[in-house]
Amino acid sequence: MDSSYSKKMYDFIVVGTGPAGAVLAKTLTDNKKTSVLVLEAGENNDRDRPIRDSRFALELEDEFFPEYFWQGEGVPQPEVNDRTFEWTTGRLSGGGSSINGEQYVRPTPAVLKEWDRLLGSMWSPEQAIRSFKQLENFHGITNSLEFHGFNGRLNIRQAPNNPPDMTKKLVLAMEQATGFNRILDYNDPRTPIGPFTRWQLFQKNNGQRESSSTAFLSSDIITPEGHGVNGRKLMVIYKSTALRLLFREKTAIGIEFLKEGRKVKAFARNRVIISAGINSAHLLMLSGVGPSHDLRQAGIPVVINNPNVGKYLTNHTLNTATFSVNQKDLPQLQNDPFSLYTGGAFLPNPFNRNNNRRRGVQLVGIVSEGKLNIVIIFLQPKSRGSIKIQNNDPLKIVLADEGFLENDYDLEAIKAIYRVYIKGIAEQLSKIDKNYQLVNPTFETIENDEELENFIKENFDHNHHQQSSLRMAPIHHGGVVDRYGNVHGVHHLMVADAQIIPFTVDGNTSATAFLIGHIIARHLIREYRLE
């Protein structure tokens, strides 16, 4: 066992190789002078076919294979009949970006303006566009080339090139039912609302998955063993589970981690950066940063009392509507099996349909077992959950309560989505092709308030859009980190991942995590003059 990590001081330590962590690791070491140690609990599985081949993406999200996922479960959810849902993310190089559904959805200016007002111009829509352009290598069709990047490391594929008939029928029905015209590029800030035939995916042109691992920890950056190449002072240690942060009084100086059955310590000169996703709150609490009452109860010495740690956990809701299809349309789906989805739409909150710049609903067409499913994601939930530590054992899972439908508003909004959008789409789709009929829920269920509520609760499903458990905000506004990602009340400790999102994003969270990594990396380069 090599314990040389504990004998060396690194400039930065990064925990996690997900979107933010990998971007930070690569960007901070571009000058070939700055040393960065990265811990990854899992292995590099980029060459495994289920990870590499995008056709496995939806199966991965459904099955939570133990070789690629943390294994865990949240607490029962009272408002959805005490059902429990998985509490998991990727446990491999690339983190969640290596096992997700590959949808590339930027936060819109409407959301980022809220960030800007709270946090300042480094989180403005204009800054976000500059960052995405630097990150992206866009392969697709758009009316606004100025909003996309074509030289970045992150391959984005717009797919399919030729939408099949099923997609065209669904999108036409969406247009007719909602009154919103079809859009070409939903990541164009001028066209955030409307139905579309082509999703933008984290994919290379050959259909292979693009992840933070393949894009930012590839063979031109590190060796298979995790050593930086061409003089890059980067070290990635796989199969290394972070246990707790090391402090000298209120200054983070390093980390203790489990490597091949042994506890090892490593030390950082400038910053320790936590990019562990849904596990970040747990690591802070294990280290004495969190609600003092809970920490003392768990037998953990308090470094700083912050009751906001783990407090504002947010997740988008997920429901479905199922349709029969014209069986003659199914073979066309194999023309591009990597495209994964059969059309989609971003629409306003049904309670505020006149605000046609603000996304409230995400609809995703998915074909499964010969049926067309519309996945319904409500993007403006008011319910909030929490992450609570149980004891001082770092391998003991947290009590993750996602608080689904805790606020009555969310259930009412989902009911309105069925009545305003799904019912209308179903009526128009059956007129376009009578083989497309709404199967579940039925029109009768949609019209009956009690039956619709029961349907929503019984068929409620789980998104992996967890965010905001460590909000980026002033501490008196529920914050855990400041606008730069620095943890309030301590020194040399940062969090950089989707958990610091201050206001719920209006789409999938992976693109936002890349953005967070990029903006915080650029800030650190300026702060430490690392150019």
Protein backbone atom coordinates (compact mmCIF):
# COMPACT_ATOMS: atom_id res chain seq x y z
CA MET A 1 0.00 0.00 0.00
CA ASP A 2 1.44 3.36 -1.10
CA SER A 3 0.99 5.92 1.67
CA SER A 4 3.01 8.61 -0.14
CA TYR A 5 -0.10 10.83 -0.34
CA SER A 6 0.29 11.63 3.35
CA LYS A 7 3.91 12.67 2.88
CA LYS A 8 3.14 15.33 0.30
CA MET A 9 1.40 18.69 0.41
CA TYR A 10 -0.87 19.42 -2.56
CA ASP A 11 -2.06 22.86 -3.61
CA PHE A 12 -5.65 21.60 -3.83
CA ILE A 13 -7.55 18.45 -2.90
CA VAL A 14 -10.77 17.69 -4.78
CA VAL A 15 -13.26 15.06 -3.59
CA GLY A 16 -15.19 13.57 -6.50
CA THR A 17 -14.78 13.31 -10.29
CA GLY A 18 -18.31 14.33 -11.28
CA PRO A 19 -18.96 17.33 -13.55
CA ALA A 20 -17.69 20.02 -11.16
CA GLY A 21 -14.81 18.02 -9.65
CA ALA A 22 -13.34 16.87 -12.95
CA VAL A 23 -13.54 20.35 -14.48
CA LEU A 24 -11.78 21.80 -11.41
CA ALA A 25 -9.06 19.13 -11.46
CA LYS A 26 -8.26 19.62 -15.11
CA THR A 27 -8.57 23.41 -15.20
CA LEU A 28 -6.50 24.07 -12.07
CA THR A 29 -3.61 21.94 -13.39
CA ASP A 30 -3.54 23.37 -16.92
CA ASN A 31 -0.60 25.60 -15.99
CA LYS A 32 1.53 22.50 -15.20
CA LYS A 33 2.59 24.18 -11.94
CA THR A 34 -0.41 23.66 -9.64
CA SER A 35 -0.67 20.29 -7.87
CA VAL A 36 -4.10 18.70 -7.36
CA LEU A 37 -5.04 15.44 -5.64
CA VAL A 38 -8.43 14.01 -6.57
CA LEU A 39 -10.23 11.30 -4.61
CA GLU A 40 -12.72 9.03 -6.39
CA ALA A 41 -14.58 6.38 -4.40
CA GLY A 42 -15.24 4.28 -7.49
CA GLU A 43 -13.13 3.06 -10.38
CA ASN A 44 -12.64 4.26 -13.93
CA ASN A 45 -15.26 2.30 -15.87
CA ASP A 46 -15.18 4.41 -19.04
CA ARG A 47 -14.37 1.37 -21.17
CA ASP A 48 -17.21 -0.78 -19.82
CA ARG A 49 -19.87 -1.16 -22.49
CA PRO A 50 -22.83 -0.19 -20.25
CA ILE A 51 -21.04 3.07 -19.42
CA ARG A 52 -19.59 3.76 -22.85
CA ASP A 53 -22.58 2.80 -25.02
CA SER A 54 -25.42 5.33 -24.71
CA ARG A 55 -28.03 2.70 -25.53
CA PHE A 56 -27.68 1.50 -21.93
CA ALA A 57 -28.33 4.96 -20.44
CA LEU A 58 -32.00 4.53 -19.55
CA GLU A 59 -31.45 1.00 -18.23
CA LEU A 60 -28.64 2.27 -16.00
CA GLU A 61 -30.94 4.89 -14.50
CA ASP A 62 -33.59 2.27 -13.76
CA GLU A 63 -31.50 -0.58 -12.37
CA PHE A 64 -28.82 1.07 -10.17
CA PHE A 65 -26.22 -1.64 -10.78
CA PRO A 66 -24.06 -2.08 -7.66
CA GLU A 67 -20.83 -2.01 -9.65
CA TYR A 68 -21.55 1.59 -10.73
CA PHE A 69 -23.79 3.11 -8.04
CA TRP A 70 -23.72 3.96 -4.39
CA GLN A 71 -26.33 1.74 -2.77
CA GLY A 72 -28.81 3.50 -0.54
CA GLU A 73 -32.43 4.34 0.17
CA GLY A 74 -34.19 7.45 1.41
CA VAL A 75 -36.73 7.65 4.24
CA PRO A 76 -40.43 6.87 3.61
CA GLN A 77 -42.31 9.74 1.97
CA PRO A 78 -45.63 10.31 3.77
CA GLU A 79 -47.26 12.27 0.93
CA VAL A 80 -46.70 9.49 -1.60
CA ASN A 81 -48.13 6.64 0.47
CA ASP A 82 -44.97 6.12 2.55
CA ARG A 83 -43.04 4.86 -0.43
CA THR A 84 -39.25 4.94 -0.38
CA PHE A 85 -36.90 5.80 -3.22
CA GLU A 86 -33.26 5.10 -3.94
CA TRP A 87 -30.69 7.51 -2.55
CA THR A 88 -27.88 7.06 -4.99
CA THR A 89 -25.53 8.52 -7.55
CA GLY A 90 -22.64 7.23 -9.62
CA ARG A 91 -19.78 5.61 -7.73
CA LEU A 92 -17.27 5.67 -10.56
CA SER A 93 -15.14 8.10 -12.49
CA GLY A 94 -17.45 10.79 -13.80
CA GLY A 95 -19.92 10.39 -10.94
CA GLY A 96 -23.51 11.03 -11.98
CA SER A 97 -22.44 12.11 -15.47
CA SER A 98 -21.35 8.51 -16.18
CA ILE A 99 -24.71 6.91 -15.38
CA ASN A 100 -27.37 9.56 -16.07
CA GLY A 101 -29.84 9.92 -18.96
CA GLU A 102 -27.42 12.20 -20.85
CA GLN A 103 -29.80 15.16 -21.26
CA TYR A 104 -27.92 18.44 -21.69
CA VAL A 105 -30.15 21.21 -20.37
CA ARG A 106 -28.69 24.57 -19.42
CA PRO A 107 -30.37 26.70 -16.77
CA THR A 108 -32.25 29.51 -18.49
CA PRO A 109 -31.63 33.25 -18.02
CA ALA A 110 -34.85 33.45 -15.97
CA VAL A 111 -33.23 31.26 -13.29
CA LEU A 112 -29.76 32.74 -13.55
CA LYS A 113 -31.11 36.26 -13.07
CA GLU A 114 -32.25 35.11 -9.62
CA TRP A 115 -28.72 33.82 -8.95
CA ASP A 116 -27.29 37.13 -10.19
CA ARG A 117 -29.53 39.18 -7.88
CA LEU A 118 -28.55 37.10 -4.85
CA LEU A 119 -24.89 36.40 -5.62
CA GLY A 120 -23.53 38.90 -8.12
CA SER A 121 -22.48 39.02 -11.74
CA MET A 122 -20.21 35.95 -11.68
CA TRP A 123 -23.47 33.94 -11.77
CA SER A 124 -25.24 36.10 -14.37
CA PRO A 125 -26.83 34.71 -17.57
CA GLU A 126 -24.09 36.42 -19.59
CA GLN A 127 -21.30 34.76 -17.58
CA ALA A 128 -23.04 31.38 -17.85
CA ILE A 129 -23.21 31.65 -21.64
CA ARG A 130 -19.49 32.50 -21.78
CA SER A 131 -18.70 29.46 -19.64
CA PHE A 132 -20.89 27.07 -21.61
CA LYS A 133 -19.30 28.25 -24.86
CA GLN A 134 -15.86 27.44 -23.42
CA LEU A 135 -17.01 24.02 -22.19
CA GLU A 136 -18.95 22.90 -25.29
CA ASN A 137 -18.16 21.19 -28.53
CA PHE A 138 -21.64 21.46 -30.02
CA HIS A 139 -22.76 19.14 -32.83
CA GLY A 140 -26.20 20.24 -33.89
CA ILE A 141 -28.47 22.72 -35.61
CA THR A 142 -29.27 26.09 -34.11
CA ASN A 143 -30.50 29.50 -35.21
CA SER A 144 -28.09 31.14 -32.77
CA LEU A 145 -24.51 30.03 -33.25
CA GLU A 146 -23.35 32.81 -30.92
CA PHE A 147 -24.76 30.96 -27.89
CA HIS A 148 -22.86 27.71 -28.50
CA GLY A 149 -19.23 26.63 -28.30
CA PHE A 150 -17.45 24.49 -30.87
CA ASN A 151 -13.96 24.06 -29.43
CA GLY A 152 -14.62 22.88 -25.88
CA ARG A 153 -13.95 19.42 -24.47
CA LEU A 154 -17.58 18.54 -23.76
CA ASN A 155 -19.15 16.90 -26.81
CA ILE A 156 -22.84 17.73 -27.14
CA ARG A 157 -24.82 15.86 -29.80
CA GLN A 158 -28.24 16.99 -30.95
CA ALA A 159 -30.20 13.87 -31.85
CA PRO A 160 -31.67 12.40 -33.93
CA ASN A 161 -30.67 14.04 -37.21
CA ASN A 162 -33.87 12.75 -38.82
CA PRO A 163 -36.71 12.59 -36.27
CA PRO A 164 -38.94 9.52 -36.75
CA ASP A 165 -42.67 9.74 -37.46
CA MET A 166 -43.58 9.01 -33.84
CA THR A 167 -41.60 12.04 -32.70
CA LYS A 168 -43.12 14.25 -35.39
CA LYS A 169 -46.65 13.21 -34.41
CA LEU A 170 -46.06 13.78 -30.69
CA VAL A 171 -44.42 17.17 -31.21
CA LEU A 172 -47.19 18.29 -33.58
CA ALA A 173 -49.76 17.28 -30.95
CA MET A 174 -47.82 19.26 -28.34
CA GLU A 175 -47.83 22.33 -30.59
CA GLN A 176 -51.55 22.10 -31.23
CA ALA A 177 -52.46 21.41 -27.60
CA THR A 178 -50.28 24.06 -25.95
CA GLY A 179 -50.22 26.84 -28.53
CA PHE A 180 -46.41 27.01 -28.36
CA ASN A 181 -44.53 26.73 -31.65
CA ARG A 182 -41.89 24.09 -32.21
CA ILE A 183 -38.37 25.21 -31.32
CA LEU A 184 -35.08 24.04 -32.80
CA ASP A 185 -32.70 24.66 -29.90
CA TYR A 186 -34.02 24.75 -26.33
CA ASN A 187 -30.58 25.85 -25.05
CA ASP A 188 -30.85 29.02 -27.10
CA PRO A 189 -31.80 31.61 -24.43
CA ARG A 190 -34.18 33.18 -26.96
CA THR A 191 -36.23 29.97 -27.27
CA PRO A 192 -36.51 28.36 -23.81
CA ILE A 193 -40.16 27.34 -24.21
CA GLY A 194 -41.83 25.00 -26.71
CA PRO A 195 -41.88 21.44 -28.07
CA PHE A 196 -38.93 20.05 -30.00
CA THR A 197 -37.94 16.94 -31.97
CA ARG A 198 -34.25 16.82 -31.02
CA TRP A 199 -32.71 16.51 -27.56
CA GLN A 200 -29.20 17.70 -26.84
CA LEU A 201 -27.19 14.89 -25.28
CA PHE A 202 -23.84 14.39 -23.57
CA GLN A 203 -22.61 12.26 -26.47
CA LYS A 204 -19.84 11.99 -28.99
CA ASN A 205 -20.89 11.86 -32.64
CA ASN A 206 -20.61 8.05 -32.66
CA GLY A 207 -23.21 7.76 -29.89
CA GLN A 208 -20.77 7.02 -27.08
CA ARG A 209 -21.40 8.69 -23.75
CA GLU A 210 -19.60 11.90 -22.92
CA SER A 211 -19.03 12.34 -19.20
CA SER A 212 -16.85 14.51 -17.01
CA SER A 213 -14.45 11.55 -16.98
CA THR A 214 -14.20 11.12 -20.76
CA ALA A 215 -14.05 14.89 -21.36
CA PHE A 216 -11.80 16.15 -18.55
CA LEU A 217 -9.91 13.09 -17.25
CA SER A 218 -9.15 11.49 -20.61
CA SER A 219 -5.85 9.94 -21.73
CA ASP A 220 -4.35 13.31 -22.71
CA ILE A 221 -4.87 14.46 -19.10
CA ILE A 222 -4.08 11.40 -16.95
CA THR A 223 -2.74 7.87 -17.33
CA PRO A 224 -4.99 4.85 -16.58
CA GLU A 225 -3.39 4.80 -13.12
CA GLY A 226 -4.44 8.40 -12.50
CA HIS A 227 -1.12 10.24 -12.96
CA GLY A 228 -1.06 13.53 -14.87
CA VAL A 229 0.65 13.36 -18.27
CA ASN A 230 3.00 15.82 -20.00
CA GLY A 231 4.06 17.44 -16.76
CA ARG A 232 0.57 17.98 -15.39
CA LYS A 233 0.69 17.87 -11.57
CA LEU A 234 -2.54 15.92 -11.20
CA MET A 235 -3.12 12.71 -9.25
CA VAL A 236 -6.45 10.86 -9.23
CA ILE A 237 -6.71 8.10 -6.62
CA TYR A 238 -9.50 5.61 -7.36
CA LYS A 239 -11.23 3.33 -4.84
CA SER A 240 -10.73 6.01 -2.19
CA THR A 241 -13.67 6.94 0.02
CA ALA A 242 -13.49 10.25 1.87
CA LEU A 243 -14.12 9.84 5.62
CA ARG A 244 -13.71 13.30 7.11
CA LEU A 245 -12.04 16.64 6.61
CA LEU A 246 -9.03 17.57 8.72
CA PHE A 247 -9.06 20.95 10.46
CA ARG A 248 -6.56 23.05 12.35
CA GLU A 249 -9.00 25.05 14.46
CA LYS A 250 -11.34 26.45 11.76
CA THR A 251 -9.02 25.98 8.79
CA ALA A 252 -9.32 22.92 6.55
CA ILE A 253 -5.87 21.43 6.05
CA GLY A 254 -6.58 18.05 4.47
CA ILE A 255 -8.68 14.94 4.36
CA GLU A 256 -8.78 11.44 5.78
CA PHE A 257 -9.90 8.71 3.42
CA LEU A 258 -10.22 4.95 3.16
CA LYS A 259 -7.92 3.35 0.60
CA GLU A 260 -7.81 -0.44 0.27
CA GLY A 261 -8.91 -0.97 3.87
CA ARG A 262 -6.53 1.54 5.41
CA LYS A 263 -7.09 5.08 6.64
CA VAL A 264 -4.84 7.56 4.86
CA LYS A 265 -4.43 11.33 5.22
CA ALA A 266 -3.58 13.92 2.59
CA PHE A 267 -2.98 17.64 3.00
CA ALA A 268 -3.77 20.75 0.99
CA ARG A 269 -1.96 24.09 0.95
CA ASN A 270 -4.73 26.23 -0.57
CA ARG A 271 -8.16 24.60 -0.54
CA VAL A 272 -10.01 21.36 0.04
CA ILE A 273 -12.91 21.26 -2.46
CA ILE A 274 -15.86 18.95 -1.93
CA SER A 275 -17.53 17.87 -5.19
CA ALA A 276 -19.25 14.72 -3.97
CA GLY A 277 -22.82 15.53 -5.04
CA ILE A 278 -25.50 14.11 -2.78
CA ASN A 279 -22.72 12.89 -0.44
CA SER A 280 -21.24 16.36 0.13
CA ALA A 281 -23.55 17.30 3.02
CA HIS A 282 -22.70 14.05 4.82
CA LEU A 283 -18.96 14.71 4.51
CA LEU A 284 -19.36 18.21 5.94
CA MET A 285 -21.39 16.93 8.89
CA LEU A 286 -18.96 14.08 9.59
CA SER A 287 -16.28 16.75 9.79
CA GLY A 288 -18.09 18.96 12.30
CA VAL A 289 -19.74 21.45 9.92
CA GLY A 290 -23.51 21.46 10.35
CA PRO A 291 -26.33 21.75 12.89
CA SER A 292 -24.61 21.62 16.28
CA HIS A 293 -27.46 19.75 18.00
CA ASP A 294 -27.40 16.95 15.41
CA LEU A 295 -23.60 16.77 15.41
CA ARG A 296 -23.35 16.48 19.20
CA GLN A 297 -26.09 13.86 19.20
CA ALA A 298 -24.04 11.94 16.62
CA GLY A 299 -20.89 12.21 18.74
CA ILE A 300 -19.09 14.60 16.37
CA PRO A 301 -17.07 17.57 17.68
CA VAL A 302 -18.52 20.81 16.31
CA VAL A 303 -16.18 22.93 14.18
CA ILE A 304 -18.85 25.40 13.09
CA ASN A 305 -22.58 25.45 13.79
CA ASN A 306 -24.59 25.98 10.61
CA PRO A 307 -28.19 24.71 10.78
CA ASN A 308 -28.54 25.22 7.01
CA VAL A 309 -26.34 22.21 6.17
CA GLY A 310 -28.61 19.62 4.57
CA LYS A 311 -31.70 21.71 5.19
CA TYR A 312 -33.00 22.87 1.79
CA LEU A 313 -32.74 19.66 -0.23
CA THR A 314 -34.80 19.98 -3.41
CA ASN A 315 -35.75 17.56 -6.18
CA HIS A 316 -38.00 17.89 -9.18
CA THR A 317 -41.06 15.65 -9.24
CA LEU A 318 -41.52 12.88 -11.80
CA ASN A 319 -44.73 11.32 -13.14
CA THR A 320 -45.77 9.67 -16.40
CA ALA A 321 -48.56 9.32 -18.94
CA THR A 322 -48.68 6.23 -21.18
CA PHE A 323 -50.00 5.96 -24.74
CA SER A 324 -50.60 3.15 -27.19
CA VAL A 325 -48.78 3.67 -30.50
CA ASN A 326 -48.95 2.85 -34.17
CA GLN A 327 -46.80 -0.28 -34.30
CA LYS A 328 -45.66 0.66 -37.81
CA ASP A 329 -43.82 3.64 -36.30
CA LEU A 330 -41.62 1.55 -33.99
CA PRO A 331 -38.95 0.31 -36.49
CA GLN A 332 -37.94 3.88 -37.34
CA LEU A 333 -36.71 4.35 -33.77
CA GLN A 334 -33.78 2.07 -34.59
CA ASN A 335 -32.50 4.50 -37.22
CA ASP A 336 -30.69 6.26 -34.37
CA PRO A 337 -30.85 4.07 -31.24
CA PHE A 338 -28.46 6.44 -29.45
CA SER A 339 -30.99 9.29 -29.54
CA LEU A 340 -32.76 7.74 -26.50
CA TYR A 341 -35.79 10.06 -26.51
CA THR A 342 -38.85 10.58 -28.69
CA GLY A 343 -39.35 14.33 -28.65
CA GLY A 344 -39.98 16.62 -25.74
CA ALA A 345 -41.07 20.05 -24.57
CA PHE A 346 -40.39 22.77 -22.04
CA LEU A 347 -43.58 24.55 -21.02
CA PRO A 348 -44.63 27.20 -18.48
CA ASN A 349 -46.07 26.30 -15.11
CA PRO A 350 -49.77 25.61 -15.85
CA PHE A 351 -50.66 28.09 -13.09
CA ASN A 352 -48.73 30.81 -14.91
CA ARG A 353 -49.06 30.05 -18.60
CA ASN A 354 -48.69 33.69 -19.63
CA ASN A 355 -45.07 33.72 -18.45
CA ASN A 356 -43.73 32.17 -21.63
CA ARG A 357 -40.07 32.77 -20.75
CA ARG A 358 -40.07 30.72 -17.56
CA ARG A 359 -39.94 26.93 -17.68
CA GLY A 360 -42.19 25.15 -15.22
CA VAL A 361 -42.65 21.76 -16.90
CA GLN A 362 -40.36 19.37 -18.77
CA LEU A 363 -41.96 16.66 -20.93
CA VAL A 364 -39.84 13.78 -22.25
CA GLY A 365 -40.99 11.19 -24.78
CA ILE A 366 -39.64 7.68 -24.09
CA VAL A 367 -40.66 4.46 -25.85
CA SER A 368 -40.66 1.36 -23.66
CA GLU A 369 -42.19 -2.09 -24.23
CA GLY A 370 -44.06 -0.89 -27.32
CA LYS A 371 -45.72 2.03 -25.53
CA LEU A 372 -45.03 5.77 -25.63
CA ASN A 373 -44.48 7.33 -22.23
CA ILE A 374 -44.45 11.04 -21.59
CA VAL A 375 -42.28 11.66 -18.55
CA ILE A 376 -43.60 14.70 -16.67
CA ILE A 377 -41.12 16.71 -14.61
CA PHE A 378 -42.38 19.63 -12.53
CA LEU A 379 -39.54 22.12 -12.39
CA GLN A 380 -40.82 24.57 -9.76
CA PRO A 381 -41.49 22.48 -6.64
CA LYS A 382 -42.04 24.32 -3.37
CA SER A 383 -41.46 21.23 -1.20
CA ARG A 384 -38.11 20.96 0.57
CA GLY A 385 -36.42 17.98 2.14
CA SER A 386 -33.41 17.45 4.37
CA ILE A 387 -30.30 15.37 4.91
CA LYS A 388 -29.64 14.35 8.50
CA ILE A 389 -26.66 12.50 9.93
CA GLN A 390 -27.34 9.41 12.08
CA ASN A 391 -24.04 8.89 13.89
CA ASN A 392 -20.29 9.40 13.52
CA ASP A 393 -19.76 6.28 11.38
CA PRO A 394 -18.81 7.58 7.90
CA LEU A 395 -20.18 4.39 6.31
CA LYS A 396 -23.61 4.80 7.90
CA ILE A 397 -26.06 6.24 5.38
CA VAL A 398 -27.72 9.55 6.11
CA LEU A 399 -31.45 9.99 6.67
CA ALA A 400 -32.35 11.54 3.31
CA ASP A 401 -35.87 12.94 3.32
CA GLU A 402 -36.70 14.46 -0.06
CA GLY A 403 -40.00 15.89 1.20
CA PHE A 404 -41.93 15.01 -1.95
CA LEU A 405 -45.34 16.79 -2.17
CA GLU A 406 -44.88 18.12 1.36
CA ASN A 407 -46.12 21.48 0.06
CA ASP A 408 -49.67 21.12 -1.28
CA TYR A 409 -48.82 23.43 -4.17
CA ASP A 410 -46.76 20.73 -5.89
CA LEU A 411 -49.60 18.21 -6.03
CA GLU A 412 -51.99 20.86 -7.35
CA ALA A 413 -49.47 21.84 -10.03
CA ILE A 414 -48.99 18.23 -11.16
CA LYS A 415 -52.76 17.76 -11.36
CA ALA A 416 -52.93 20.89 -13.51
CA ILE A 417 -50.20 19.53 -15.81
CA TYR A 418 -52.36 16.47 -16.51
CA ARG A 419 -55.49 18.55 -17.06
CA VAL A 420 -53.99 21.40 -19.05
CA TYR A 421 -51.19 19.70 -20.99
CA ILE A 422 -51.49 15.90 -21.01
CA LYS A 423 -55.22 15.82 -21.71
CA GLY A 424 -54.82 18.30 -24.58
CA ILE A 425 -51.83 16.46 -26.05
CA ALA A 426 -53.73 13.17 -25.87
CA GLU A 427 -56.74 14.64 -27.67
CA GLN A 428 -54.63 16.11 -30.46
CA LEU A 429 -52.41 13.04 -30.82
CA SER A 430 -55.39 10.72 -31.32
CA LYS A 431 -56.68 13.05 -34.05
CA ILE A 432 -53.32 12.90 -35.83
CA ASP A 433 -53.22 9.08 -35.59
CA LYS A 434 -56.05 7.14 -33.95
CA ASN A 435 -53.58 4.40 -32.91
CA TYR A 436 -52.20 6.80 -30.30
CA GLN A 437 -54.55 6.63 -27.34
CA LEU A 438 -54.03 7.67 -23.73
CA VAL A 439 -53.89 4.45 -21.70
CA ASN A 440 -52.80 5.55 -18.23
CA PRO A 441 -54.18 7.62 -16.64
CA THR A 442 -57.49 7.54 -18.46
CA PHE A 443 -59.43 10.68 -19.33
CA GLU A 444 -61.90 9.69 -16.63
CA THR A 445 -59.15 9.61 -14.02
CA ILE A 446 -57.88 13.01 -15.10
CA GLU A 447 -61.35 14.49 -14.69
CA ASN A 448 -61.87 12.98 -11.22
CA ASP A 449 -59.90 14.93 -8.61
CA GLU A 450 -59.64 12.14 -6.05
CA GLU A 451 -58.72 9.50 -8.63
CA LEU A 452 -56.11 11.78 -10.19
CA GLU A 453 -54.49 12.45 -6.81
CA ASN A 454 -54.35 8.72 -6.10
CA PHE A 455 -52.87 8.06 -9.53
CA ILE A 456 -50.17 10.70 -9.05
CA LYS A 457 -49.18 9.36 -5.65
CA GLU A 458 -49.25 5.68 -6.65
CA ASN A 459 -47.29 6.31 -9.85
CA PHE A 460 -44.92 8.91 -8.44
CA ASP A 461 -41.33 8.25 -9.43
CA HIS A 462 -37.93 9.51 -8.46
CA ASN A 463 -35.70 12.02 -10.21
CA HIS A 464 -31.99 12.33 -9.65
CA HIS A 465 -32.08 16.11 -9.76
CA GLN A 466 -31.17 16.57 -6.10
CA GLN A 467 -29.88 20.07 -5.43
CA SER A 468 -29.58 22.90 -2.91
CA SER A 469 -28.78 20.96 0.28
CA LEU A 470 -25.74 23.26 0.69
CA ARG A 471 -27.11 26.48 -0.77
CA MET A 472 -24.87 29.17 -2.16
CA ALA A 473 -26.27 32.19 -0.32
CA PRO A 474 -25.58 34.44 2.68
CA ILE A 475 -25.91 32.43 5.87
CA HIS A 476 -28.98 34.43 6.97
CA HIS A 477 -30.63 33.48 3.66
CA GLY A 478 -30.16 29.77 4.28
CA GLY A 479 -26.67 29.57 2.88
CA VAL A 480 -23.85 27.10 3.52
CA VAL A 481 -21.34 28.53 1.03
CA ASP A 482 -20.74 32.03 -0.31
CA ARG A 483 -20.85 33.12 -3.95
CA TYR A 484 -17.41 31.58 -4.55
CA GLY A 485 -18.24 28.21 -2.97
CA ASN A 486 -16.37 28.92 0.29
CA VAL A 487 -18.01 27.28 3.31
CA HIS A 488 -19.26 29.92 5.75
CA GLY A 489 -17.42 30.15 9.09
CA VAL A 490 -14.33 28.14 8.15
CA HIS A 491 -11.27 28.71 5.98
CA HIS A 492 -9.81 26.92 2.94
CA LEU A 493 -12.90 24.72 2.45
CA MET A 494 -15.18 24.86 -0.58
CA VAL A 495 -18.13 22.97 -2.04
CA ALA A 496 -18.55 22.88 -5.82
CA ASP A 497 -21.39 20.72 -7.14
CA ALA A 498 -25.16 20.83 -7.71
CA GLN A 499 -25.80 20.93 -3.97
CA ILE A 500 -24.83 24.61 -3.87
CA ILE A 501 -27.53 25.60 -6.41
CA PRO A 502 -29.30 28.54 -4.69
CA PHE A 503 -32.56 28.50 -6.67
CA THR A 504 -33.98 25.40 -8.34
CA VAL A 505 -32.79 25.02 -11.93
CA ASP A 506 -35.36 24.56 -14.68
CA GLY A 507 -34.14 21.29 -16.17
CA ASN A 508 -31.65 18.48 -15.61
CA THR A 509 -28.85 19.40 -13.22
CA SER A 510 -25.73 18.00 -14.91
CA ALA A 511 -25.05 20.99 -17.18
CA THR A 512 -25.37 23.29 -14.17
CA ALA A 513 -22.81 21.20 -12.25
CA PHE A 514 -20.34 21.63 -15.14
CA LEU A 515 -21.04 25.36 -15.04
CA ILE A 516 -20.39 25.52 -11.29
CA GLY A 517 -17.07 23.70 -11.69
CA HIS A 518 -15.98 25.98 -14.50
CA ILE A 519 -16.89 29.28 -12.82
CA ILE A 520 -15.33 28.33 -9.49
CA ALA A 521 -12.17 27.06 -11.22
CA ARG A 522 -11.80 30.37 -13.07
CA HIS A 523 -12.28 32.23 -9.78
CA LEU A 524 -9.54 30.19 -8.08
CA ILE A 525 -7.17 30.79 -10.99
CA ARG A 526 -7.67 34.54 -10.56
CA GLU A 527 -7.42 34.37 -6.75
CA TYR A 528 -4.18 32.40 -6.74
CA ARG A 529 -2.83 33.85 -10.01
CA LEU A 530 -2.47 30.43 -11.58
CA GLU A 531 -2.46 31.51 -15.22
